[in-house]
Amino acid sequence: RLFRFRTTRPSSFRFRSGEFVMIGLMIDGKPLYRAYSIASPA
């Protein structure tokens, strides 16, 4: 039921520790997003 993943961080991306961001995939040719808290610190 649970997994963790890490990704690259664009140099232009800034956030405050504790914030969330919309992430997603292309599903049937359309983007689908959900809100995910960023688990790494700023």
Full PDB file with SEQRES, HELIX, SHEET, SSBOND, CRYST1, ORIGX, SCALE, CONECT and MASTER records, all heavy atoms in Angstrom:
SEQRES   1 A   42  ARG LEU PHE ARG PHE ARG THR THR ARG PRO SER SER PHE          
SEQRES   2 A   42  ARG PHE ARG SER GLY GLU PHE VAL MET ILE GLY LEU MET          
SEQRES   3 A   42  ILE ASP GLY LYS PRO LEU TYR ARG ALA TYR SER ILE ALA          
SEQRES   4 A   42  SER PRO ALA                                                  
SHEET    1 AA1 2 PHE A  20  ILE A  27  0                                        
SHEET    2 AA1 2 LYS A  30  SER A  37 -1                                        
CRYST1    1.000    1.000    1.000  90.00  90.00  90.00 P 1           1          
ORIGX1      1.000000  0.000000  0.000000        0.00000                         
ORIGX2      0.000000  1.000000  0.000000        0.00000                         
ORIGX3      0.000000  0.000000  1.000000        0.00000                         
SCALE1      1.000000  0.000000  0.000000        0.00000                         
SCALE2      0.000000  1.000000  0.000000        0.00000                         
SCALE3      0.000000  0.000000  1.000000        0.00000                         
ATOM      1  N   ARG A   1       0.793  -1.228   0.000  1.00  0.00           N  
ATOM      2  CA  ARG A   1       0.000   0.000   0.000  1.00  0.00           C  
ATOM      3  C   ARG A   1       0.828   1.282   0.000  1.00  0.00           C  
ATOM      4  O   ARG A   1       0.298   2.362  -0.236  1.00  0.00           O  
ATOM      5  CB  ARG A   1      -0.927   0.028   1.231  1.00  0.00           C  
ATOM      6  CG  ARG A   1      -1.983  -1.054   1.272  1.00  0.00           C  
ATOM      7  CD  ARG A   1      -2.892  -0.891   2.481  1.00  0.00           C  
ATOM      8  NE  ARG A   1      -3.665   0.350   2.392  1.00  0.00           N  
ATOM      9  CZ  ARG A   1      -3.464   1.400   3.173  1.00  0.00           C  
ATOM     10  NH1 ARG A   1      -2.513   1.383   4.094  1.00  0.00           N  
ATOM     11  NH2 ARG A   1      -4.217   2.483   3.038  1.00  0.00           N  
ATOM     12  N   LEU A   2       2.137   1.183   0.274  1.00  0.00           N  
ATOM     13  CA  LEU A   2       2.947   2.380   0.470  1.00  0.00           C  
ATOM     14  C   LEU A   2       4.277   2.311  -0.276  1.00  0.00           C  
ATOM     15  O   LEU A   2       4.933   1.266  -0.283  1.00  0.00           O  
ATOM     16  CB  LEU A   2       3.235   2.582   1.963  1.00  0.00           C  
ATOM     17  CG  LEU A   2       2.034   2.790   2.885  1.00  0.00           C  
ATOM     18  CD1 LEU A   2       2.484   2.722   4.342  1.00  0.00           C  
ATOM     19  CD2 LEU A   2       1.361   4.127   2.595  1.00  0.00           C  
ATOM     20  N   PHE A   3       4.671   3.417  -0.875  1.00  0.00           N  
ATOM     21  CA  PHE A   3       5.993   3.492  -1.494  1.00  0.00           C  
ATOM     22  C   PHE A   3       6.509   4.926  -1.470  1.00  0.00           C  
ATOM     23  O   PHE A   3       5.749   5.880  -1.350  1.00  0.00           O  
ATOM     24  CB  PHE A   3       5.976   2.943  -2.923  1.00  0.00           C  
ATOM     25  CG  PHE A   3       5.278   3.811  -3.942  1.00  0.00           C  
ATOM     26  CD1 PHE A   3       6.003   4.498  -4.916  1.00  0.00           C  
ATOM     27  CD2 PHE A   3       3.892   3.929  -3.954  1.00  0.00           C  
ATOM     28  CE1 PHE A   3       5.370   5.282  -5.867  1.00  0.00           C  
ATOM     29  CE2 PHE A   3       3.245   4.714  -4.902  1.00  0.00           C  
ATOM     30  CZ  PHE A   3       3.978   5.391  -5.861  1.00  0.00           C  
ATOM     31  N   ARG A   4       7.816   5.030  -1.557  1.00  0.00           N  
ATOM     32  CA  ARG A   4       8.493   6.324  -1.593  1.00  0.00           C  
ATOM     33  C   ARG A   4       9.236   6.448  -2.913  1.00  0.00           C  
ATOM     34  O   ARG A   4       9.749   5.467  -3.445  1.00  0.00           O  
ATOM     35  CB  ARG A   4       9.513   6.416  -0.453  1.00  0.00           C  
ATOM     36  CG  ARG A   4      10.319   7.716  -0.435  1.00  0.00           C  
ATOM     37  CD  ARG A   4      11.580   7.570   0.401  1.00  0.00           C  
ATOM     38  NE  ARG A   4      12.555   6.719  -0.267  1.00  0.00           N  
ATOM     39  CZ  ARG A   4      13.686   6.304   0.281  1.00  0.00           C  
ATOM     40  NH1 ARG A   4      13.968   6.613   1.539  1.00  0.00           N  
ATOM     41  NH2 ARG A   4      14.526   5.547  -0.396  1.00  0.00           N  
ATOM     42  N   PHE A   5       9.289   7.673  -3.449  1.00  0.00           N  
ATOM     43  CA  PHE A   5      10.130   7.881  -4.630  1.00  0.00           C  
ATOM     44  C   PHE A   5      10.793   9.241  -4.558  1.00  0.00           C  
ATOM     45  O   PHE A   5      10.298  10.167  -3.916  1.00  0.00           O  
ATOM     46  CB  PHE A   5       9.325   7.726  -5.930  1.00  0.00           C  
ATOM     47  CG  PHE A   5       8.150   8.656  -6.079  1.00  0.00           C  
ATOM     48  CD1 PHE A   5       8.242   9.833  -6.819  1.00  0.00           C  
ATOM     49  CD2 PHE A   5       6.916   8.348  -5.500  1.00  0.00           C  
ATOM     50  CE1 PHE A   5       7.152  10.676  -6.968  1.00  0.00           C  
ATOM     51  CE2 PHE A   5       5.818   9.184  -5.646  1.00  0.00           C  
ATOM     52  CZ  PHE A   5       5.939  10.352  -6.389  1.00  0.00           C  
ATOM     53  N   ARG A   6      11.947   9.323  -5.181  1.00  0.00           N  
ATOM     54  CA  ARG A   6      12.700  10.565  -5.261  1.00  0.00           C  
ATOM     55  C   ARG A   6      12.891  10.951  -6.719  1.00  0.00           C  
ATOM     56  O   ARG A   6      12.952  10.082  -7.593  1.00  0.00           O  
ATOM     57  CB  ARG A   6      14.052  10.420  -4.563  1.00  0.00           C  
ATOM     58  CG  ARG A   6      13.929  10.263  -3.049  1.00  0.00           C  
ATOM     59  CD  ARG A   6      15.259  10.051  -2.385  1.00  0.00           C  
ATOM     60  NE  ARG A   6      15.115   9.970  -0.926  1.00  0.00           N  
ATOM     61  CZ  ARG A   6      15.997   9.403  -0.120  1.00  0.00           C  
ATOM     62  NH1 ARG A   6      17.096   8.874  -0.624  1.00  0.00           N  
ATOM     63  NH2 ARG A   6      15.802   9.391   1.178  1.00  0.00           N  
ATOM     64  N   THR A   7      12.993  12.262  -6.937  1.00  0.00           N  
ATOM     65  CA  THR A   7      13.143  12.766  -8.296  1.00  0.00           C  
ATOM     66  C   THR A   7      14.211  13.856  -8.334  1.00  0.00           C  
ATOM     67  O   THR A   7      14.633  14.379  -7.297  1.00  0.00           O  
ATOM     68  CB  THR A   7      11.828  13.376  -8.838  1.00  0.00           C  
ATOM     69  OG1 THR A   7      11.599  14.650  -8.194  1.00  0.00           O  
ATOM     70  CG2 THR A   7      10.647  12.460  -8.586  1.00  0.00           C  
ATOM     71  N   THR A   8      14.609  14.206  -9.539  1.00  0.00           N  
ATOM     72  CA  THR A   8      15.473  15.355  -9.713  1.00  0.00           C  
ATOM     73  C   THR A   8      14.724  16.607  -9.276  1.00  0.00           C  
ATOM     74  O   THR A   8      13.492  16.623  -9.214  1.00  0.00           O  
ATOM     75  CB  THR A   8      15.888  15.504 -11.183  1.00  0.00           C  
ATOM     76  OG1 THR A   8      14.691  15.581 -11.990  1.00  0.00           O  
ATOM     77  CG2 THR A   8      16.707  14.304 -11.646  1.00  0.00           C  
ATOM     78  N   ARG A   9      15.466  17.653  -8.985  1.00  0.00           N  
ATOM     79  CA  ARG A   9      14.864  18.924  -8.603  1.00  0.00           C  
ATOM     80  C   ARG A   9      15.323  20.014  -9.568  1.00  0.00           C  
ATOM     81  O   ARG A   9      16.525  20.320  -9.630  1.00  0.00           O  
ATOM     82  CB  ARG A   9      15.262  19.304  -7.177  1.00  0.00           C  
ATOM     83  CG  ARG A   9      14.740  20.679  -6.757  1.00  0.00           C  
ATOM     84  CD  ARG A   9      15.094  21.009  -5.322  1.00  0.00           C  
ATOM     85  NE  ARG A   9      14.630  22.338  -4.959  1.00  0.00           N  
ATOM     86  CZ  ARG A   9      14.712  22.862  -3.730  1.00  0.00           C  
ATOM     87  NH1 ARG A   9      15.250  22.144  -2.756  1.00  0.00           N  
ATOM     88  NH2 ARG A   9      14.270  24.083  -3.493  1.00  0.00           N  
ATOM     89  N   PRO A  10      14.404  20.572 -10.340  1.00  0.00           N  
ATOM     90  CA  PRO A  10      14.782  21.652 -11.255  1.00  0.00           C  
ATOM     91  C   PRO A  10      15.411  22.807 -10.481  1.00  0.00           C  
ATOM     92  O   PRO A  10      14.978  23.140  -9.370  1.00  0.00           O  
ATOM     93  CB  PRO A  10      13.450  22.074 -11.882  1.00  0.00           C  
ATOM     94  CG  PRO A  10      12.557  20.877 -11.731  1.00  0.00           C  
ATOM     95  CD  PRO A  10      12.964  20.241 -10.442  1.00  0.00           C  
ATOM     96  N   SER A  11      16.433  23.394 -11.044  1.00  0.00           N  
ATOM     97  CA  SER A  11      17.145  24.468 -10.349  1.00  0.00           C  
ATOM     98  C   SER A  11      16.246  25.666 -10.056  1.00  0.00           C  
ATOM     99  O   SER A  11      16.494  26.422  -9.117  1.00  0.00           O  
ATOM    100  CB  SER A  11      18.347  24.915 -11.181  1.00  0.00           C  
ATOM    101  OG  SER A  11      17.919  25.366 -12.461  1.00  0.00           O  
ATOM    102  N   SER A  12      15.180  25.811 -10.834  1.00  0.00           N  
ATOM    103  CA  SER A  12      14.283  26.957 -10.660  1.00  0.00           C  
ATOM    104  C   SER A  12      13.193  26.713  -9.620  1.00  0.00           C  
ATOM    105  O   SER A  12      12.458  27.643  -9.255  1.00  0.00           O  
ATOM    106  CB  SER A  12      13.609  27.307 -11.994  1.00  0.00           C  
ATOM    107  OG  SER A  12      12.824  26.208 -12.449  1.00  0.00           O  
ATOM    108  N   PHE A  13      13.077  25.479  -9.134  1.00  0.00           N  
ATOM    109  CA  PHE A  13      11.961  25.135  -8.243  1.00  0.00           C  
ATOM    110  C   PHE A  13      12.295  25.469  -6.792  1.00  0.00           C  
ATOM    111  O   PHE A  13      13.242  24.941  -6.217  1.00  0.00           O  
ATOM    112  CB  PHE A  13      11.619  23.646  -8.370  1.00  0.00           C  
ATOM    113  CG  PHE A  13      10.416  23.230  -7.566  1.00  0.00           C  
ATOM    114  CD1 PHE A  13       9.141  23.654  -7.921  1.00  0.00           C  
ATOM    115  CD2 PHE A  13      10.556  22.424  -6.446  1.00  0.00           C  
ATOM    116  CE1 PHE A  13       8.031  23.275  -7.180  1.00  0.00           C  
ATOM    117  CE2 PHE A  13       9.458  22.038  -5.706  1.00  0.00           C  
ATOM    118  CZ  PHE A  13       8.190  22.474  -6.072  1.00  0.00           C  
ATOM    119  N   ARG A  14      11.498  26.336  -6.186  1.00  0.00           N  
ATOM    120  CA  ARG A  14      11.670  26.730  -4.796  1.00  0.00           C  
ATOM    121  C   ARG A  14      10.408  26.395  -4.007  1.00  0.00           C  
ATOM    122  O   ARG A  14       9.298  26.548  -4.513  1.00  0.00           O  
ATOM    123  CB  ARG A  14      11.930  28.244  -4.704  1.00  0.00           C  
ATOM    124  CG  ARG A  14      13.202  28.687  -5.401  1.00  0.00           C  
ATOM    125  CD  ARG A  14      14.438  28.285  -4.611  1.00  0.00           C  
ATOM    126  NE  ARG A  14      15.650  28.780  -5.236  1.00  0.00           N  
ATOM    127  CZ  ARG A  14      16.358  28.106  -6.146  1.00  0.00           C  
ATOM    128  NH1 ARG A  14      15.928  26.907  -6.537  1.00  0.00           N  
ATOM    129  NH2 ARG A  14      17.464  28.614  -6.649  1.00  0.00           N  
ATOM    130  N   PHE A  15      10.581  25.973  -2.759  1.00  0.00           N  
ATOM    131  CA  PHE A  15       9.429  25.688  -1.903  1.00  0.00           C  
ATOM    132  C   PHE A  15       9.841  25.847  -0.449  1.00  0.00           C  
ATOM    133  O   PHE A  15      11.030  25.868  -0.117  1.00  0.00           O  
ATOM    134  CB  PHE A  15       8.888  24.284  -2.157  1.00  0.00           C  
ATOM    135  CG  PHE A  15       9.810  23.163  -1.705  1.00  0.00           C  
ATOM    136  CD1 PHE A  15       9.633  22.543  -0.467  1.00  0.00           C  
ATOM    137  CD2 PHE A  15      10.859  22.733  -2.507  1.00  0.00           C  
ATOM    138  CE1 PHE A  15      10.476  21.518  -0.054  1.00  0.00           C  
ATOM    139  CE2 PHE A  15      11.710  21.711  -2.096  1.00  0.00           C  
ATOM    140  CZ  PHE A  15      11.520  21.099  -0.865  1.00  0.00           C  
ATOM    141  N   ARG A  16       8.844  25.969   0.411  1.00  0.00           N  
ATOM    142  CA  ARG A  16       9.069  25.991   1.852  1.00  0.00           C  
ATOM    143  C   ARG A  16       8.836  24.587   2.402  1.00  0.00           C  
ATOM    144  O   ARG A  16       7.899  23.904   1.988  1.00  0.00           O  
ATOM    145  CB  ARG A  16       8.120  26.982   2.531  1.00  0.00           C  
ATOM    146  CG  ARG A  16       8.363  28.432   2.181  1.00  0.00           C  
ATOM    147  CD  ARG A  16       7.359  29.350   2.877  1.00  0.00           C  
ATOM    148  NE  ARG A  16       5.989  29.110   2.433  1.00  0.00           N  
ATOM    149  CZ  ARG A  16       4.927  29.657   3.005  1.00  0.00           C  
ATOM    150  NH1 ARG A  16       5.068  30.457   4.056  1.00  0.00           N  
ATOM    151  NH2 ARG A  16       3.711  29.414   2.547  1.00  0.00           N  
ATOM    152  N   SER A  17       9.663  24.173   3.329  1.00  0.00           N  
ATOM    153  CA  SER A  17       9.490  22.856   3.944  1.00  0.00           C  
ATOM    154  C   SER A  17       8.071  22.728   4.477  1.00  0.00           C  
ATOM    155  O   SER A  17       7.569  23.615   5.163  1.00  0.00           O  
ATOM    156  CB  SER A  17      10.501  22.674   5.076  1.00  0.00           C  
ATOM    157  OG  SER A  17      11.823  22.669   4.576  1.00  0.00           O  
ATOM    158  N   GLY A  18       7.408  21.602   4.130  1.00  0.00           N  
ATOM    159  CA  GLY A  18       6.038  21.347   4.554  1.00  0.00           C  
ATOM    160  C   GLY A  18       4.990  21.597   3.482  1.00  0.00           C  
ATOM    161  O   GLY A  18       3.828  21.217   3.651  1.00  0.00           O  
ATOM    162  N   GLU A  19       5.384  22.228   2.359  1.00  0.00           N  
ATOM    163  CA  GLU A  19       4.414  22.525   1.302  1.00  0.00           C  
ATOM    164  C   GLU A  19       4.150  21.301   0.422  1.00  0.00           C  
ATOM    165  O   GLU A  19       4.886  20.315   0.452  1.00  0.00           O  
ATOM    166  CB  GLU A  19       4.922  23.681   0.435  1.00  0.00           C  
ATOM    167  CG  GLU A  19       4.886  25.019   1.137  1.00  0.00           C  
ATOM    168  CD  GLU A  19       5.192  26.187   0.208  1.00  0.00           C  
ATOM    169  OE1 GLU A  19       6.154  26.083  -0.591  1.00  0.00           O  
ATOM    170  OE2 GLU A  19       4.478  27.189   0.273  1.00  0.00           O  
ATOM    171  N   PHE A  20       3.078  21.379  -0.370  1.00  0.00           N  
ATOM    172  CA  PHE A  20       2.783  20.329  -1.349  1.00  0.00           C  
ATOM    173  C   PHE A  20       2.809  20.912  -2.751  1.00  0.00           C  
ATOM    174  O   PHE A  20       2.816  22.129  -2.949  1.00  0.00           O  
ATOM    175  CB  PHE A  20       1.442  19.644  -1.056  1.00  0.00           C  
ATOM    176  CG  PHE A  20       0.227  20.512  -1.270  1.00  0.00           C  
ATOM    177  CD1 PHE A  20      -0.362  20.630  -2.518  1.00  0.00           C  
ATOM    178  CD2 PHE A  20      -0.364  21.187  -0.201  1.00  0.00           C  
ATOM    179  CE1 PHE A  20      -1.502  21.406  -2.722  1.00  0.00           C  
ATOM    180  CE2 PHE A  20      -1.496  21.973  -0.381  1.00  0.00           C  
ATOM    181  CZ  PHE A  20      -2.062  22.085  -1.650  1.00  0.00           C  
ATOM    182  N   VAL A  21       2.842  20.013  -3.723  1.00  0.00           N  
ATOM    183  CA  VAL A  21       2.883  20.426  -5.119  1.00  0.00           C  
ATOM    184  C   VAL A  21       2.026  19.447  -5.919  1.00  0.00           C  
ATOM    185  O   VAL A  21       1.805  18.306  -5.491  1.00  0.00           O  
ATOM    186  CB  VAL A  21       4.342  20.446  -5.635  1.00  0.00           C  
ATOM    187  CG1 VAL A  21       4.907  19.027  -5.744  1.00  0.00           C  
ATOM    188  CG2 VAL A  21       4.456  21.164  -6.975  1.00  0.00           C  
ATOM    189  N   MET A  22       1.517  19.896  -7.049  1.00  0.00           N  
ATOM    190  CA  MET A  22       0.738  19.009  -7.914  1.00  0.00           C  
ATOM    191  C   MET A  22       1.685  18.228  -8.814  1.00  0.00           C  
ATOM    192  O   MET A  22       2.476  18.827  -9.565  1.00  0.00           O  
ATOM    193  CB  MET A  22      -0.239  19.823  -8.759  1.00  0.00           C  
ATOM    194  CG  MET A  22      -1.192  20.709  -7.964  1.00  0.00           C  
ATOM    195  SD  MET A  22      -2.268  19.812  -6.843  1.00  0.00           S  
ATOM    196  CE  MET A  22      -3.334  18.950  -8.032  1.00  0.00           C  
ATOM    197  N   ILE A  23       1.643  16.905  -8.736  1.00  0.00           N  
ATOM    198  CA  ILE A  23       2.440  16.078  -9.630  1.00  0.00           C  
ATOM    199  C   ILE A  23       1.516  15.120 -10.372  1.00  0.00           C  
ATOM    200  O   ILE A  23       0.388  14.868  -9.936  1.00  0.00           O  
ATOM    201  CB  ILE A  23       3.538  15.294  -8.889  1.00  0.00           C  
ATOM    202  CG1 ILE A  23       2.930  14.249  -7.942  1.00  0.00           C  
ATOM    203  CG2 ILE A  23       4.466  16.242  -8.142  1.00  0.00           C  
ATOM    204  CD1 ILE A  23       3.978  13.340  -7.332  1.00  0.00           C  
ATOM    205  N   GLY A  24       1.981  14.605 -11.503  1.00  0.00           N  
ATOM    206  CA  GLY A  24       1.103  13.742 -12.288  1.00  0.00           C  
ATOM    207  C   GLY A  24       1.787  13.039 -13.441  1.00  0.00           C  
ATOM    208  O   GLY A  24       3.009  13.077 -13.592  1.00  0.00           O  
ATOM    209  N   LEU A  25       0.963  12.399 -14.245  1.00  0.00           N  
ATOM    210  CA  LEU A  25       1.400  11.671 -15.437  1.00  0.00           C  
ATOM    211  C   LEU A  25       0.457  12.006 -16.582  1.00  0.00           C  
ATOM    212  O   LEU A  25      -0.650  12.512 -16.373  1.00  0.00           O  
ATOM    213  CB  LEU A  25       1.373  10.162 -15.179  1.00  0.00           C  
ATOM    214  CG  LEU A  25       2.282   9.605 -14.079  1.00  0.00           C  
ATOM    215  CD1 LEU A  25       1.943   8.133 -13.837  1.00  0.00           C  
ATOM    216  CD2 LEU A  25       3.758   9.760 -14.457  1.00  0.00           C  
ATOM    217  N   MET A  26       0.900  11.698 -17.788  1.00  0.00           N  
ATOM    218  CA  MET A  26       0.011  11.782 -18.933  1.00  0.00           C  
ATOM    219  C   MET A  26      -0.804  10.491 -18.992  1.00  0.00           C  
ATOM    220  O   MET A  26      -0.244   9.401 -19.108  1.00  0.00           O  
ATOM    221  CB  MET A  26       0.820  11.964 -20.214  1.00  0.00           C  
ATOM    222  CG  MET A  26       1.588  13.269 -20.298  1.00  0.00           C  
ATOM    223  SD  MET A  26       0.527  14.736 -20.397  1.00  0.00           S  
ATOM    224  CE  MET A  26      -0.140  14.550 -22.055  1.00  0.00           C  
ATOM    225  N   ILE A  27      -2.112  10.605 -18.876  1.00  0.00           N  
ATOM    226  CA  ILE A  27      -3.004   9.449 -18.901  1.00  0.00           C  
ATOM    227  C   ILE A  27      -3.910   9.569 -20.118  1.00  0.00           C  
ATOM    228  O   ILE A  27      -4.702  10.511 -20.221  1.00  0.00           O  
ATOM    229  CB  ILE A  27      -3.858   9.371 -17.621  1.00  0.00           C  
ATOM    230  CG1 ILE A  27      -2.972   9.453 -16.368  1.00  0.00           C  
ATOM    231  CG2 ILE A  27      -4.705   8.112 -17.622  1.00  0.00           C  
ATOM    232  CD1 ILE A  27      -2.020   8.308 -16.199  1.00  0.00           C  
ATOM    233  N   ASP A  28      -3.770   8.648 -21.050  1.00  0.00           N  
ATOM    234  CA  ASP A  28      -4.562   8.684 -22.285  1.00  0.00           C  
ATOM    235  C   ASP A  28      -4.428  10.029 -22.997  1.00  0.00           C  
ATOM    236  O   ASP A  28      -5.412  10.609 -23.477  1.00  0.00           O  
ATOM    237  CB  ASP A  28      -6.037   8.372 -22.004  1.00  0.00           C  
ATOM    238  CG  ASP A  28      -6.239   6.970 -21.450  1.00  0.00           C  
ATOM    239  OD1 ASP A  28      -5.456   6.072 -21.836  1.00  0.00           O  
ATOM    240  OD2 ASP A  28      -7.150   6.769 -20.634  1.00  0.00           O  
ATOM    241  N   GLY A  29      -3.209  10.530 -23.010  1.00  0.00           N  
ATOM    242  CA  GLY A  29      -2.933  11.762 -23.741  1.00  0.00           C  
ATOM    243  C   GLY A  29      -3.256  13.043 -23.005  1.00  0.00           C  
ATOM    244  O   GLY A  29      -3.081  14.137 -23.550  1.00  0.00           O  
ATOM    245  N   LYS A  30      -3.716  12.925 -21.739  1.00  0.00           N  
ATOM    246  CA  LYS A  30      -4.060  14.118 -20.967  1.00  0.00           C  
ATOM    247  C   LYS A  30      -3.336  14.080 -19.618  1.00  0.00           C  
ATOM    248  O   LYS A  30      -3.176  13.006 -19.030  1.00  0.00           O  
ATOM    249  CB  LYS A  30      -5.576  14.186 -20.725  1.00  0.00           C  
ATOM    250  CG  LYS A  30      -6.392  14.314 -21.998  1.00  0.00           C  
ATOM    251  CD  LYS A  30      -7.874  14.357 -21.665  1.00  0.00           C  
ATOM    252  CE  LYS A  30      -8.719  14.470 -22.938  1.00  0.00           C  
ATOM    253  NZ  LYS A  30     -10.175  14.498 -22.625  1.00  0.00           N  
ATOM    254  N   PRO A  31      -2.932  15.242 -19.116  1.00  0.00           N  
ATOM    255  CA  PRO A  31      -2.251  15.263 -17.822  1.00  0.00           C  
ATOM    256  C   PRO A  31      -3.239  15.061 -16.673  1.00  0.00           C  
ATOM    257  O   PRO A  31      -4.316  15.632 -16.665  1.00  0.00           O  
ATOM    258  CB  PRO A  31      -1.634  16.662 -17.777  1.00  0.00           C  
ATOM    259  CG  PRO A  31      -2.524  17.497 -18.648  1.00  0.00           C  
ATOM    260  CD  PRO A  31      -3.010  16.578 -19.738  1.00  0.00           C  
ATOM    261  N   LEU A  32      -2.865  14.216 -15.724  1.00  0.00           N  
ATOM    262  CA  LEU A  32      -3.669  13.996 -14.529  1.00  0.00           C  
ATOM    263  C   LEU A  32      -2.798  14.283 -13.317  1.00  0.00           C  
ATOM    264  O   LEU A  32      -1.736  13.683 -13.148  1.00  0.00           O  
ATOM    265  CB  LEU A  32      -4.181  12.554 -14.465  1.00  0.00           C  
ATOM    266  CG  LEU A  32      -5.011  12.198 -13.226  1.00  0.00           C  
ATOM    267  CD1 LEU A  32      -6.302  13.001 -13.180  1.00  0.00           C  
ATOM    268  CD2 LEU A  32      -5.314  10.701 -13.176  1.00  0.00           C  
ATOM    269  N   TYR A  33      -3.232  15.212 -12.470  1.00  0.00           N  
ATOM    270  CA  TYR A  33      -2.444  15.652 -11.325  1.00  0.00           C  
ATOM    271  C   TYR A  33      -3.143  15.323 -10.012  1.00  0.00           C  
ATOM    272  O   TYR A  33      -4.362  15.273  -9.935  1.00  0.00           O  
ATOM    273  CB  TYR A  33      -2.225  17.171 -11.369  1.00  0.00           C  
ATOM    274  CG  TYR A  33      -1.451  17.688 -12.551  1.00  0.00           C  
ATOM    275  CD1 TYR A  33      -2.123  18.153 -13.685  1.00  0.00           C  
ATOM    276  CD2 TYR A  33      -0.064  17.743 -12.533  1.00  0.00           C  
ATOM    277  CE1 TYR A  33      -1.422  18.654 -14.769  1.00  0.00           C  
ATOM    278  CE2 TYR A  33       0.652  18.246 -13.612  1.00  0.00           C  
ATOM    279  CZ  TYR A  33      -0.036  18.699 -14.731  1.00  0.00           C  
ATOM    280  OH  TYR A  33       0.654  19.193 -15.803  1.00  0.00           O  
ATOM    281  N   ARG A  34      -2.336  15.144  -8.978  1.00  0.00           N  
ATOM    282  CA  ARG A  34      -2.822  15.061  -7.615  1.00  0.00           C  
ATOM    283  C   ARG A  34      -1.846  15.824  -6.720  1.00  0.00           C  
ATOM    284  O   ARG A  34      -0.687  15.992  -7.048  1.00  0.00           O  
ATOM    285  CB  ARG A  34      -2.920  13.594  -7.138  1.00  0.00           C  
ATOM    286  CG  ARG A  34      -4.008  12.783  -7.824  1.00  0.00           C  
ATOM    287  CD  ARG A  34      -5.393  13.231  -7.418  1.00  0.00           C  
ATOM    288  NE  ARG A  34      -6.442  12.378  -7.958  1.00  0.00           N  
ATOM    289  CZ  ARG A  34      -7.049  12.567  -9.127  1.00  0.00           C  
ATOM    290  NH1 ARG A  34      -6.687  13.597  -9.898  1.00  0.00           N  
ATOM    291  NH2 ARG A  34      -7.992  11.745  -9.533  1.00  0.00           N  
ATOM    292  N   ALA A  35      -2.337  16.272  -5.573  1.00  0.00           N  
ATOM    293  CA  ALA A  35      -1.506  17.007  -4.628  1.00  0.00           C  
ATOM    294  C   ALA A  35      -0.662  16.039  -3.810  1.00  0.00           C  
ATOM    295  O   ALA A  35      -1.179  15.084  -3.240  1.00  0.00           O  
ATOM    296  CB  ALA A  35      -2.383  17.843  -3.702  1.00  0.00           C  
ATOM    297  N   TYR A  36       0.633  16.309  -3.769  1.00  0.00           N  
ATOM    298  CA  TYR A  36       1.560  15.502  -2.983  1.00  0.00           C  
ATOM    299  C   TYR A  36       2.415  16.406  -2.114  1.00  0.00           C  
ATOM    300  O   TYR A  36       3.050  17.345  -2.612  1.00  0.00           O  
ATOM    301  CB  TYR A  36       2.492  14.687  -3.894  1.00  0.00           C  
ATOM    302  CG  TYR A  36       1.965  13.331  -4.272  1.00  0.00           C  
ATOM    303  CD1 TYR A  36       1.016  13.185  -5.278  1.00  0.00           C  
ATOM    304  CD2 TYR A  36       2.417  12.185  -3.626  1.00  0.00           C  
ATOM    305  CE1 TYR A  36       0.535  11.935  -5.631  1.00  0.00           C  
ATOM    306  CE2 TYR A  36       1.936  10.934  -3.970  1.00  0.00           C  
ATOM    307  CZ  TYR A  36       0.992  10.817  -4.966  1.00  0.00           C  
ATOM    308  OH  TYR A  36       0.511   9.581  -5.307  1.00  0.00           O  
ATOM    309  N   SER A  37       2.463  16.129  -0.825  1.00  0.00           N  
ATOM    310  CA  SER A  37       3.377  16.848   0.040  1.00  0.00           C  
ATOM    311  C   SER A  37       4.814  16.500  -0.339  1.00  0.00           C  
ATOM    312  O   SER A  37       5.131  15.344  -0.658  1.00  0.00           O  
ATOM    313  CB  SER A  37       3.143  16.473   1.505  1.00  0.00           C  
ATOM    314  OG  SER A  37       1.905  16.970   1.955  1.00  0.00           O  
ATOM    315  N   ILE A  38       5.670  17.499  -0.310  1.00  0.00           N  
ATOM    316  CA  ILE A  38       7.086  17.276  -0.588  1.00  0.00           C  
ATOM    317  C   ILE A  38       7.738  16.821   0.713  1.00  0.00           C  
ATOM    318  O   ILE A  38       7.737  17.549   1.708  1.00  0.00           O  
ATOM    319  CB  ILE A  38       7.750  18.560  -1.108  1.00  0.00           C  
ATOM    320  CG1 ILE A  38       7.000  19.080  -2.342  1.00  0.00           C  
ATOM    321  CG2 ILE A  38       9.222  18.302  -1.434  1.00  0.00           C  
ATOM    322  CD1 ILE A  38       7.416  20.484  -2.768  1.00  0.00           C  
ATOM    323  N   ALA A  39       8.273  15.614   0.727  1.00  0.00           N  
ATOM    324  CA  ALA A  39       8.824  15.038   1.950  1.00  0.00           C  
ATOM    325  C   ALA A  39      10.275  15.438   2.198  1.00  0.00           C  
ATOM    326  O   ALA A  39      10.791  15.227   3.300  1.00  0.00           O  
ATOM    327  CB  ALA A  39       8.709  13.514   1.905  1.00  0.00           C  
ATOM    328  N   SER A  40      10.923  16.005   1.208  1.00  0.00           N  
ATOM    329  CA  SER A  40      12.295  16.472   1.391  1.00  0.00           C  
ATOM    330  C   SER A  40      12.268  17.902   1.901  1.00  0.00           C  
ATOM    331  O   SER A  40      11.316  18.646   1.648  1.00  0.00           O  
ATOM    332  CB  SER A  40      13.072  16.386   0.073  1.00  0.00           C  
ATOM    333  OG  SER A  40      12.304  16.896  -0.995  1.00  0.00           O  
ATOM    334  N   PRO A  41      13.308  18.324   2.625  1.00  0.00           N  
ATOM    335  CA  PRO A  41      13.361  19.698   3.121  1.00  0.00           C  
ATOM    336  C   PRO A  41      13.705  20.687   2.012  1.00  0.00           C  
ATOM    337  O   PRO A  41      14.183  20.291   0.939  1.00  0.00           O  
ATOM    338  CB  PRO A  41      14.464  19.654   4.174  1.00  0.00           C  
ATOM    339  CG  PRO A  41      15.364  18.539   3.713  1.00  0.00           C  
ATOM    340  CD  PRO A  41      14.448  17.523   3.091  1.00  0.00           C  
ATOM    341  N   ALA A  42      13.488  21.961   2.288  1.00  0.00           N  
ATOM    342  CA  ALA A  42      13.659  22.994   1.266  1.00  0.00           C  
ATOM    343  C   ALA A  42      15.081  23.072   0.720  1.00  0.00           C  
ATOM    344  O   ALA A  42      15.294  23.521  -0.405  1.00  0.00           O  
ATOM    345  CB  ALA A  42      13.249  24.348   1.835  1.00  0.00           C  
TER     346      ALA A  42                                                      
MASTER        0    0    0    0    2    0    0    6  345    1    0    4          
END                                                                             
